[in-house]
Amino acid sequence: MDRYVCNLCGYVYDPADGDPDNGIKPGTAFEDLPEDWTCPICGAGKEDFDKE
């Protein structure tokens, strides 16, 4: 699975880790994140992420 990086703050979403603090289980692909998911660091939307 691909990792995605936030264009605003540099946070990297790694599907292997998920985002457990926000209820996203490890193994969740970026494409499968809820549409309202935001960067846990700066609050940017999924549209502000690019494939690493």
Protein backbone atom coordinates (compact mmCIF):
# COMPACT_ATOMS: atom_id res chain seq x y z
CA MET A 1 0.00 0.00 0.00
CA ASP A 2 1.15 3.50 -0.82
CA ARG A 3 2.10 6.13 1.71
CA TYR A 4 0.75 9.65 1.32
CA VAL A 5 2.33 12.91 2.48
CA CYS A 6 0.51 16.09 3.54
CA ASN A 7 1.52 18.98 1.29
CA LEU A 8 0.98 21.48 4.09
CA CYS A 9 2.88 20.03 7.06
CA GLY A 10 4.74 16.95 5.82
CA TYR A 11 2.83 14.36 7.88
CA VAL A 12 3.05 10.93 6.23
CA TYR A 13 0.01 8.65 6.33
CA ASP A 14 1.34 5.09 6.40
CA PRO A 15 -1.38 2.44 5.90
CA ALA A 16 0.68 -0.03 7.95
CA ASP A 17 0.25 2.27 10.96
CA GLY A 18 -3.19 3.73 10.24
CA ASP A 19 -4.27 6.64 12.46
CA PRO A 20 -5.33 4.92 15.70
CA ASP A 21 -5.77 8.21 17.58
CA ASN A 22 -8.58 9.01 15.13
CA GLY A 23 -10.10 5.55 14.89
CA ILE A 24 -8.30 4.42 11.71
CA LYS A 25 -7.06 0.86 12.08
CA PRO A 26 -3.64 -0.30 10.81
CA GLY A 27 -3.97 -1.74 7.31
CA THR A 28 -6.42 0.95 6.13
CA ALA A 29 -5.49 2.18 2.63
CA PHE A 30 -5.50 5.94 2.06
CA GLU A 31 -8.25 5.48 -0.52
CA ASP A 32 -10.41 3.80 2.16
CA LEU A 33 -10.14 6.65 4.67
CA PRO A 34 -13.46 8.44 5.30
CA GLU A 35 -13.96 11.50 3.10
CA ASP A 36 -14.05 13.70 6.20
CA TRP A 37 -10.71 12.39 7.53
CA THR A 38 -8.16 15.15 8.07
CA CYS A 39 -4.45 15.32 8.75
CA PRO A 40 -3.93 14.68 12.49
CA ILE A 41 -1.21 17.35 12.60
CA CYS A 42 -2.59 20.33 10.67
CA GLY A 43 -6.19 19.42 9.80
CA ALA A 44 -5.69 19.39 6.01
CA GLY A 45 -8.17 17.39 3.96
CA LYS A 46 -7.39 14.32 1.86
CA GLU A 47 -7.17 16.56 -1.22
CA ASP A 48 -4.02 18.10 0.28
CA PHE A 49 -2.14 14.78 0.25
CA ASP A 50 0.01 13.34 -2.55
CA LYS A 51 1.40 9.85 -3.02
CA GLU A 52 4.90 9.64 -1.57
